[in-house]
C-alpha atoms as a PDB file:
ATOM      1  CA  MET A   1      -9.281 115.739  73.867  1.00  0.00           C
ATOM      2  CA  ILE A   2     -10.104 111.966  74.139  1.00  0.00           C
ATOM      3  CA  VAL A   3     -13.406 112.477  72.575  1.00  0.00           C
ATOM      4  CA  SER A   4     -11.459 114.564  69.568  1.00  0.00           C
ATOM      5  CA  LEU A   5      -9.139 111.869  68.966  1.00  0.00           C
ATOM      6  CA  PHE A   6     -11.901 109.239  68.490  1.00  0.00           C
ATOM      7  CA  LEU A   7     -13.657 111.502  66.108  1.00  0.00           C
ATOM      8  CA  GLN A   8     -10.787 112.718  64.014  1.00  0.00           C
ATOM      9  CA  PRO A   9     -10.504 109.532  61.827  1.00  0.00           C
ATOM     10  CA  PHE A  10     -14.174 109.499  61.018  1.00  0.00           C
ATOM     11  CA  TYR A  11     -14.109 113.434  60.136  1.00  0.00           C
ATOM     12  CA  ASN A  12     -11.104 112.843  57.741  1.00  0.00           C
ATOM     13  CA  LEU A  13     -13.152 110.180  55.965  1.00  0.00           C
ATOM     14  CA  CYS A  14     -16.068 112.569  55.522  1.00  0.00           C
ATOM     15  CA  ALA A  15     -14.349 115.732  54.774  1.00  0.00           C
ATOM     16  CA  GLN A  16     -12.249 114.620  51.923  1.00  0.00           C
ATOM     17  CA  ASN A  17     -12.275 115.702  48.173  1.00  0.00           C
ATOM     18  CA  SER A  18     -14.438 118.491  46.487  1.00  0.00           C
ATOM     19  CA  LYS A  19     -18.296 118.235  46.362  1.00  0.00           C
ATOM     20  CA  GLU A  20     -18.670 116.714  42.897  1.00  0.00           C
ATOM     21  CA  ASP A  21     -16.190 114.081  44.037  1.00  0.00           C
ATOM     22  CA  LYS A  22     -18.771 113.021  46.453  1.00  0.00           C
ATOM     23  CA  TYR A  23     -21.478 112.477  44.174  1.00  0.00           C
ATOM     24  CA  TYR A  24     -22.440 108.771  43.789  1.00  0.00           C
ATOM     25  CA  ILE A  25     -22.407 108.838  39.788  1.00  0.00           C
ATOM     26  CA  ASN A  26     -18.651 109.954  40.232  1.00  0.00           C
ATOM     27  CA  ASN A  27     -17.845 107.039  42.494  1.00  0.00           C
ATOM     28  CA  ASN A  28     -15.763 104.272  40.601  1.00  0.00           C
ATOM     29  CA  ARG A  29     -15.700 101.841  43.687  1.00  0.00           C
ATOM     30  CA  LYS A  30     -17.099  98.731  43.155  1.00  0.00           C
ATOM     31  CA  TRP A  31     -17.771  97.211  46.583  1.00  0.00           C
ATOM     32  CA  LYS A  32     -20.095  98.360  49.452  1.00  0.00           C
ATOM     33  CA  ALA A  33     -20.338  97.293  53.037  1.00  0.00           C
ATOM     34  CA  ASP A  34     -23.526  98.471  54.901  1.00  0.00           C
ATOM     35  CA  ILE A  35     -23.942  98.145  59.066  1.00  0.00           C
ATOM     36  CA  PRO A  36     -27.866  99.161  59.562  1.00  0.00           C
ATOM     37  CA  ILE A  37     -29.958  98.456  62.479  1.00  0.00           C
ATOM     38  CA  TRP A  38     -33.449  97.599  62.114  1.00  0.00           C
ATOM     39  CA  VAL A  39     -36.123  97.975  64.591  1.00  0.00           C
ATOM     40  CA  PRO A  40     -39.244  96.013  63.732  1.00  0.00           C
ATOM     41  CA  GLY A  41     -42.498  95.488  64.917  1.00  0.00           C
ATOM     42  CA  PHE A  42     -43.899  92.015  65.270  1.00  0.00           C
ATOM     43  CA  ARG A  43     -47.723  90.834  64.002  1.00  0.00           C
ATOM     44  CA  GLY A  44     -49.116  87.861  62.866  1.00  0.00           C
ATOM     45  CA  GLN A  45     -51.302  84.836  63.286  1.00  0.00           C
ATOM     46  CA  ILE A  46     -49.875  81.473  64.568  1.00  0.00           C
ATOM     47  CA  ALA A  47     -51.271  77.934  65.036  1.00  0.00           C
ATOM     48  CA  TYR A  48     -49.308  75.302  66.545  1.00  0.00           C
ATOM     49  CA  GLY A  49     -50.940  71.981  67.705  1.00  0.00           C
ATOM     50  CA  GLU A  50     -53.792  72.824  69.985  1.00  0.00           C
ATOM     51  CA  PHE A  51     -52.622  76.630  70.362  1.00  0.00           C
ATOM     52  CA  ASP A  52     -53.892  79.080  68.296  1.00  0.00           C
ATOM     53  CA  PHE A  53     -52.562  82.880  68.703  1.00  0.00           C
ATOM     54  CA  SER A  54     -53.396  85.857  66.935  1.00  0.00           C
ATOM     55  CA  SER A  55     -51.871  89.823  67.110  1.00  0.00           C
ATOM     56  CA  GLY A  56     -55.452  91.089  66.329  1.00  0.00           C
ATOM     57  CA  GLU A  57     -59.255  89.822  65.632  1.00  0.00           C
ATOM     58  CA  GLY A  58     -61.025  90.990  62.518  1.00  0.00           C
ATOM     59  CA  GLY A  59     -57.604  92.566  61.547  1.00  0.00           C
ATOM     60  CA  GLU A  60     -54.137  92.574  62.902  1.00  0.00           C
ATOM     61  CA  ARG A  61     -53.243  95.055  65.638  1.00  0.00           C
ATOM     62  CA  GLU A  62     -50.667  95.261  68.251  1.00  0.00           C
ATOM     63  CA  PHE A  63     -51.259  95.159  72.133  1.00  0.00           C
ATOM     64  CA  GLU A  64     -49.355  96.865  74.763  1.00  0.00           C
ATOM     65  CA  ARG A  65     -46.486  95.038  75.732  1.00  0.00           C
ATOM     66  CA  LEU A  66     -46.785  92.628  78.892  1.00  0.00           C
ATOM     67  CA  ASN A  67     -44.871  93.926  81.865  1.00  0.00           C
ATOM     68  CA  GLY A  68     -41.265  92.493  82.217  1.00  0.00           C
ATOM     69  CA  ASP A  69     -38.963  91.549  79.462  1.00  0.00           C
ATOM     70  CA  ALA A  70     -38.316  95.249  78.793  1.00  0.00           C
ATOM     71  CA  GLY A  71     -35.477  96.443  76.612  1.00  0.00           C
ATOM     72  CA  LEU A  72     -34.612  97.213  73.057  1.00  0.00           C
ATOM     73  CA  GLU A  73     -35.176  94.425  70.746  1.00  0.00           C
ATOM     74  CA  PHE A  74     -33.981  95.044  67.174  1.00  0.00           C
ATOM     75  CA  TYR A  75     -32.323  92.867  64.013  1.00  0.00           C
ATOM     76  CA  PHE A  76     -28.820  93.757  62.923  1.00  0.00           C
ATOM     77  CA  VAL A  77     -28.453  93.592  59.292  1.00  0.00           C
ATOM     78  CA  GLY A  78     -24.872  92.912  57.791  1.00  0.00           C
ATOM     79  CA  ARG A  79     -24.845  93.841  54.009  1.00  0.00           C
ATOM     80  CA  ILE A  80     -22.103  93.511  51.255  1.00  0.00           C
ATOM     81  CA  SER A  81     -22.584  94.416  47.819  1.00  0.00           C
ATOM     82  CA  VAL A  82     -20.898  94.670  44.511  1.00  0.00           C
ATOM     83  CA  LYS A  83     -21.587  96.518  41.198  1.00  0.00           C
ATOM     84  CA  HIS A  84     -19.276  96.148  37.953  1.00  0.00           C
ATOM     85  CA  LYS A  85     -20.788  97.567  34.608  1.00  0.00           C
ATOM     86  CA  LYS A  86     -24.227  96.033  34.429  1.00  0.00           C
ATOM     87  CA  ILE A  87     -23.810  93.260  37.084  1.00  0.00           C
ATOM     88  CA  TRP A  88     -24.685  93.551  40.509  1.00  0.00           C
ATOM     89  CA  ALA A  89     -24.641  91.148  43.582  1.00  0.00           C
ATOM     90  CA  GLN A  90     -25.289  91.039  47.163  1.00  0.00           C
ATOM     91  CA  ILE A  91     -24.966  89.218  50.370  1.00  0.00           C
ATOM     92  CA  ASP A  92     -26.821  90.058  53.390  1.00  0.00           C
ATOM     93  CA  ALA A  93     -28.332  88.577  56.656  1.00  0.00           C
ATOM     94  CA  PHE A  94     -31.103  89.484  59.288  1.00  0.00           C
ATOM     95  CA  SER A  95     -30.108  88.504  62.623  1.00  0.00           C
ATOM     96  CA  GLY A  96     -31.731  89.442  65.998  1.00  0.00           C
ATOM     97  CA  ARG A  97     -34.826  88.894  68.509  1.00  0.00           C
ATOM     98  CA  VAL A  98     -38.267  90.817  68.477  1.00  0.00           C
ATOM     99  CA  GLY A  99     -41.538  90.098  70.492  1.00  0.00           C
ATOM    100  CA  SER A 100     -45.126  91.198  70.882  1.00  0.00           C
ATOM    101  CA  THR A 101     -48.020  90.159  72.730  1.00  0.00           C
ATOM    102  CA  PHE A 102     -50.875  88.031  71.151  1.00  0.00           C
ATOM    103  CA  THR A 103     -54.133  86.973  72.064  1.00  0.00           C
ATOM    104  CA  TYR A 104     -54.551  83.314  72.764  1.00  0.00           C
ATOM    105  CA  THR A 105     -57.682  81.281  72.115  1.00  0.00           C
ATOM    106  CA  SER A 106     -57.884  78.298  74.658  1.00  0.00           C
ATOM    107  CA  PRO A 107     -58.711  74.831  72.764  1.00  0.00           C
ATOM    108  CA  ASN A 108     -61.255  73.794  75.619  1.00  0.00           C
ATOM    109  CA  GLU A 109     -63.072  77.067  75.456  1.00  0.00           C
ATOM    110  CA  LEU A 110     -62.839  77.469  79.042  1.00  0.00           C
ATOM    111  CA  ILE A 111     -60.906  80.681  78.598  1.00  0.00           C
ATOM    112  CA  GLU A 112     -62.044  82.291  75.565  1.00  0.00           C
ATOM    113  CA  LYS A 113     -59.077  84.933  75.399  1.00  0.00           C
ATOM    114  CA  GLU A 114     -55.984  85.539  77.049  1.00  0.00           C
ATOM    115  CA  ILE A 115     -53.167  87.930  76.410  1.00  0.00           C
ATOM    116  CA  VAL A 116     -49.609  86.198  76.015  1.00  0.00           C
ATOM    117  CA  ASN A 117     -46.075  87.009  74.899  1.00  0.00           C
ATOM    118  CA  ILE A 118     -44.550  85.585  71.772  1.00  0.00           C
ATOM    119  CA  ASP A 119     -40.682  86.118  71.004  1.00  0.00           C
ATOM    120  CA  ILE A 120     -39.177  85.351  67.505  1.00  0.00           C
ATOM    121  CA  HIS A 121     -35.611  85.374  66.826  1.00  0.00           C
ATOM    122  CA  GLY A 122     -33.270  83.858  64.346  1.00  0.00           C
ATOM    123  CA  THR A 123     -31.114  84.623  61.478  1.00  0.00           C
ATOM    124  CA  ILE A 124     -32.161  84.765  57.877  1.00  0.00           C
ATOM    125  CA  PRO A 125     -29.517  85.338  55.195  1.00  0.00           C
ATOM    126  CA  ARG A 126     -29.960  86.001  51.638  1.00  0.00           C
ATOM    127  CA  CYS A 127     -27.813  85.783  48.595  1.00  0.00           C
ATOM    128  CA  ILE A 128     -28.840  87.345  45.268  1.00  0.00           C
ATOM    129  CA  GLY A 129     -27.548  88.630  41.781  1.00  0.00           C
ATOM    130  CA  GLY A 130     -28.810  90.516  38.804  1.00  0.00           C
ATOM    131  CA  TYR A 131     -28.016  92.117  35.539  1.00  0.00           C
ATOM    132  CA  SER A 132     -29.164  95.994  34.697  1.00  0.00           C
ATOM    133  CA  VAL A 133     -31.579  95.753  31.736  1.00  0.00           C
ATOM    134  CA  PHE A 134     -32.541  99.593  31.816  1.00  0.00           C
ATOM    135  CA  GLN A 135     -30.719 103.018  32.521  1.00  0.00           C
ATOM    136  CA  ALA A 136     -31.760 106.322  31.851  1.00  0.00           C
ATOM    137  CA  THR A 137     -30.377 109.525  32.834  1.00  0.00           C
ATOM    138  CA  SER A 138     -32.511 112.806  32.739  1.00  0.00           C
ATOM    139  CA  LYS A 139     -31.565 116.643  31.897  1.00  0.00           C
ATOM    140  CA  SER A 140     -31.475 117.215  35.527  1.00  0.00           C
ATOM    141  CA  ASN A 141     -28.991 114.383  35.892  1.00  0.00           C
ATOM    142  CA  ILE A 142     -31.079 112.050  37.781  1.00  0.00           C
ATOM    143  CA  LYS A 143     -30.004 108.544  36.997  1.00  0.00           C
ATOM    144  CA  ILE A 144     -32.350 105.531  37.227  1.00  0.00           C
ATOM    145  CA  GLU A 145     -31.671 101.668  36.790  1.00  0.00           C
ATOM    146  CA  LEU A 146     -33.644  98.514  37.086  1.00  0.00           C
ATOM    147  CA  ILE A 147     -31.858  95.246  37.990  1.00  0.00           C
ATOM    148  CA  PRO A 148     -34.105  92.177  38.062  1.00  0.00           C
ATOM    149  CA  TYR A 149     -32.346  89.561  40.268  1.00  0.00           C
ATOM    150  CA  LEU A 150     -32.320  86.018  41.211  1.00  0.00           C
ATOM    151  CA  GLY A 151     -31.250  83.987  44.422  1.00  0.00           C
ATOM    152  CA  PHE A 152     -31.760  82.245  47.303  1.00  0.00           C
ATOM    153  CA  ARG A 153     -32.828  82.933  51.023  1.00  0.00           C
ATOM    154  CA  TYR A 154     -32.531  80.593  54.181  1.00  0.00           C
ATOM    155  CA  VAL A 155     -35.389  81.241  56.625  1.00  0.00           C
ATOM    156  CA  ASN A 156     -34.436  80.071  60.217  1.00  0.00           C
ATOM    157  CA  PHE A 157     -35.998  81.256  63.016  1.00  0.00           C
ATOM    158  CA  ARG A 158     -37.065  80.341  66.663  1.00  0.00           C
ATOM    159  CA  LEU A 159     -40.772  81.049  68.046  1.00  0.00           C
ATOM    160  CA  GLN A 160     -41.040  80.888  71.782  1.00  0.00           C
ATOM    161  CA  SER A 161     -44.129  81.837  74.018  1.00  0.00           C
ATOM    162  CA  ASP A 162     -44.903  81.394  77.927  1.00  0.00           C
ATOM    163  CA  VAL A 163     -48.776  80.658  78.441  1.00  0.00           C
ATOM    164  CA  PHE A 164     -50.382  81.030  81.784  1.00  0.00           C
ATOM    165  CA  GLY A 165     -46.798  81.162  83.711  1.00  0.00           C
ATOM    166  CA  ASN A 166     -45.871  78.053  81.961  1.00  0.00           C
ATOM    167  CA  ASN A 167     -42.329  78.260  80.756  1.00  0.00           C
ATOM    168  CA  ASP A 168     -41.521  77.363  77.120  1.00  0.00           C
ATOM    169  CA  VAL A 169     -45.144  76.087  76.092  1.00  0.00           C
ATOM    170  CA  ILE A 170     -43.938  76.892  72.606  1.00  0.00           C
ATOM    171  CA  ASN A 171     -40.232  76.644  71.568  1.00  0.00           C
ATOM    172  CA  ILE A 172     -39.801  75.602  68.300  1.00  0.00           C
ATOM    173  CA  GLN A 173     -37.476  76.446  65.178  1.00  0.00           C
ATOM    174  CA  PRO A 174     -39.107  76.191  61.418  1.00  0.00           C
ATOM    175  CA  ASN A 175     -36.498  76.627  58.919  1.00  0.00           C
ATOM    176  CA  TRP A 176     -36.554  76.421  55.069  1.00  0.00           C
ATOM    177  CA  PHE A 177     -34.506  76.900  52.076  1.00  0.00           C
ATOM    178  CA  GLU A 178     -35.873  78.969  49.095  1.00  0.00           C
ATOM    179  CA  PRO A 179     -35.112  80.066  45.605  1.00  0.00           C
ATOM    180  CA  LEU A 180     -36.226  83.920  45.034  1.00  0.00           C
ATOM    181  CA  ILE A 181     -36.691  86.390  42.166  1.00  0.00           C
ATOM    182  CA  GLY A 182     -36.867  90.052  42.791  1.00  0.00           C
ATOM    183  CA  ILE A 183     -35.889  93.678  41.382  1.00  0.00           C
ATOM    184  CA  TYR A 184     -33.475  96.324  42.573  1.00  0.00           C
ATOM    185  CA  VAL A 185     -34.033  99.860  41.528  1.00  0.00           C
ATOM    186  CA  PRO A 186     -31.336 102.597  42.321  1.00  0.00           C
ATOM    187  CA  VAL A 187     -31.970 106.361  41.641  1.00  0.00           C
ATOM    188  CA  ILE A 188     -29.268 108.704  41.808  1.00  0.00           C
ATOM    189  CA  TYR A 189     -29.283 112.476  42.152  1.00  0.00           C
ATOM    190  CA  LYS A 190     -25.828 114.542  42.944  1.00  0.00           C
ATOM    191  CA  ARG A 191     -25.185 112.928  46.599  1.00  0.00           C
ATOM    192  CA  PHE A 192     -28.543 111.386  47.180  1.00  0.00           C
ATOM    193  CA  LYS A 193     -29.547 107.935  46.370  1.00  0.00           C
ATOM    194  CA  LEU A 194     -32.766 106.214  46.588  1.00  0.00           C
ATOM    195  CA  GLU A 195     -32.931 102.487  46.774  1.00  0.00           C
ATOM    196  CA  LEU A 196     -35.995 100.046  46.280  1.00  0.00           C
ATOM    197  CA  LEU A 197     -35.745  96.432  46.534  1.00  0.00           C
ATOM    198  CA  CYS A 198     -38.375  93.707  46.546  1.00  0.00           C
ATOM    199  CA  ASP A 199     -38.618  89.751  46.282  1.00  0.00           C
ATOM    200  CA  TYR A 200     -40.353  86.682  46.438  1.00  0.00           C
ATOM    201  CA  GLY A 201     -39.357  83.205  47.645  1.00  0.00           C
ATOM    202  CA  ALA A 202     -41.022  80.220  48.050  1.00  0.00           C
ATOM    203  CA  THR A 203     -40.666  76.171  48.444  1.00  0.00           C
ATOM    204  CA  GLY A 204     -43.352  73.693  48.723  1.00  0.00           C
ATOM    205  CA  LYS A 205     -46.207  75.528  51.117  1.00  0.00           C
ATOM    206  CA  ASN A 206     -43.750  77.851  52.854  1.00  0.00           C
ATOM    207  CA  TYR A 207     -42.964  81.409  51.354  1.00  0.00           C
ATOM    208  CA  SER A 208     -41.647  84.886  51.975  1.00  0.00           C
ATOM    209  CA  TRP A 209     -41.465  88.261  50.667  1.00  0.00           C
ATOM    210  CA  VAL A 210     -39.414  91.373  51.512  1.00  0.00           C
ATOM    211  CA  ILE A 211     -39.911  95.272  50.534  1.00  0.00           C
ATOM    212  CA  SER A 212     -37.269  97.627  51.600  1.00  0.00           C
ATOM    213  CA  ASN A 213     -36.314 101.241  50.638  1.00  0.00           C
ATOM    214  CA  GLN A 214     -33.192 103.237  51.727  1.00  0.00           C
ATOM    215  CA  TYR A 215     -32.616 106.981  51.520  1.00  0.00           C
ATOM    216  CA  ARG A 216     -28.896 107.448  51.355  1.00  0.00           C
ATOM    217  CA  TYR A 217     -26.748 110.853  51.528  1.00  0.00           C
ATOM    218  CA  ARG A 218     -23.245 110.354  50.619  1.00  0.00           C
ATOM    219  CA  LEU A 219     -20.495 112.351  53.011  1.00  0.00           C
ATOM    220  CA  SER A 220     -17.541 111.529  51.067  1.00  0.00           C
ATOM    221  CA  GLN A 221     -16.019 109.006  48.473  1.00  0.00           C
ATOM    222  CA  LEU A 222     -15.772 106.211  51.010  1.00  0.00           C
ATOM    223  CA  VAL A 223     -18.804 106.929  53.533  1.00  0.00           C
ATOM    224  CA  ASP A 224     -22.471 107.409  53.365  1.00  0.00           C
ATOM    225  CA  LEU A 225     -25.460 107.549  55.886  1.00  0.00           C
ATOM    226  CA  HIS A 226     -28.818 106.215  55.119  1.00  0.00           C
ATOM    227  CA  ILE A 227     -32.399 105.524  56.642  1.00  0.00           C
ATOM    228  CA  GLY A 228     -35.367 103.429  55.262  1.00  0.00           C
ATOM    229  CA  TRP A 229     -37.896 101.056  55.921  1.00  0.00           C
ATOM    230  CA  THR A 230     -38.024  97.337  55.696  1.00  0.00           C
ATOM    231  CA  HIS A 231     -41.324  94.989  55.610  1.00  0.00           C
ATOM    232  CA  MET A 232     -40.782  91.014  55.685  1.00  0.00           C
ATOM    233  CA  HIS A 233     -43.538  88.337  55.874  1.00  0.00           C
ATOM    234  CA  LEU A 234     -42.641  84.683  56.356  1.00  0.00           C
ATOM    235  CA  TYR A 235     -45.259  81.961  55.996  1.00  0.00           C
ATOM    236  CA  HIS A 236     -45.010  78.440  57.269  1.00  0.00           C
ATOM    237  CA  ASP A 237     -47.285  75.573  56.758  1.00  0.00           C
ATOM    238  CA  GLY A 238     -45.928  72.071  57.860  1.00  0.00           C
ATOM    239  CA  VAL A 239     -45.191  69.657  60.615  1.00  0.00           C
ATOM    240  CA  VAL A 240     -42.369  70.831  63.288  1.00  0.00           C
ATOM    241  CA  ASN A 241     -41.753  68.574  66.315  1.00  0.00           C
ATOM    242  CA  GLY A 242     -44.696  66.192  65.462  1.00  0.00           C
ATOM    243  CA  ASN A 243     -47.105  69.131  65.388  1.00  0.00           C
ATOM    244  CA  ASN A 244     -48.460  70.934  62.518  1.00  0.00           C
ATOM    245  CA  LEU A 245     -47.510  74.716  62.320  1.00  0.00           C
ATOM    246  CA  ARG A 246     -49.201  77.234  60.443  1.00  0.00           C
ATOM    247  CA  SER A 247     -47.526  80.709  61.002  1.00  0.00           C
ATOM    248  CA  SER A 248     -48.119  84.103  59.138  1.00  0.00           C
ATOM    249  CA  VAL A 249     -45.570  86.471  60.829  1.00  0.00           C
ATOM    250  CA  ARG A 250     -44.817  90.051  59.691  1.00  0.00           C
ATOM    251  CA  LEU A 251     -41.810  91.925  60.676  1.00  0.00           C
ATOM    252  CA  PHE A 252     -41.456  95.595  59.650  1.00  0.00           C
ATOM    253  CA  GLY A 253     -39.985  98.832  61.069  1.00  0.00           C
ATOM    254  CA  PRO A 254     -37.311 101.429  60.208  1.00  0.00           C
ATOM    255  CA  THR A 255     -33.609 100.917  59.430  1.00  0.00           C
ATOM    256  CA  ALA A 256     -30.684 103.234  59.679  1.00  0.00           C
ATOM    257  CA  GLY A 257     -26.961 102.790  59.583  1.00  0.00           C
ATOM    258  CA  ILE A 258     -23.859 103.646  57.908  1.00  0.00           C
ATOM    259  CA  GLY A 259     -22.125 102.310  54.517  1.00  0.00           C
ATOM    260  CA  PHE A 260     -18.562 102.307  53.177  1.00  0.00           C
ATOM    261  CA  LYS A 261     -17.320 101.968  49.474  1.00  0.00           C
ATOM    262  CA  PHE A 262     -14.047 100.271  48.843  1.00  0.00           C
END
């Protein structure tokens, strides 16, 4: 009884109107809010001062996680977008924490290899806007658009690592602000929608790029569900806290969530 009371409002949102009213192409609402969860893997190469880490040798690879520090690590993604005629804009942010095991090369070569744990966590907001330069609809009612966009991204993350039982051997927080350029490609067929988005941003020696896709299914005029995949690459080369940091970090994994049109 109690469960049914909680589920009834959601059922009402998903069950309204005819099947054709739930087609994406028949939706006149301009705003969309998404609440997805991203569960990324973490690989890369990091050199900071005398420390040199890598998630692989002769090609990146993951190690089994160290004992302890168990638990779900993920990134929450908040996203709001608006589409009015040919103009499209979006604000989103990745925020969370993820960890992985890395090999460690000792600078004095007394210990050739050791496995350590590195965590990366932070918040990476992005603001973008674009204009539809191409639209086409096939005879089977498949609609496709090409929307180039410009914007900016603020990369703010923290790297933490414990080496040989010493706490906070590395505890640094690189950050930078960068302009970016990208393209957004939505493909619509009835109640299904495929979204492809990729962009590249850079400032000085630092740069990043993001590639993502989402597969959406519209439950009602207000609600849709989606799954997808996001791959993010963050590169930093500069001085942090008096030591040079050169890092190449890749975060990649599946996303899933719910969207609301209003």
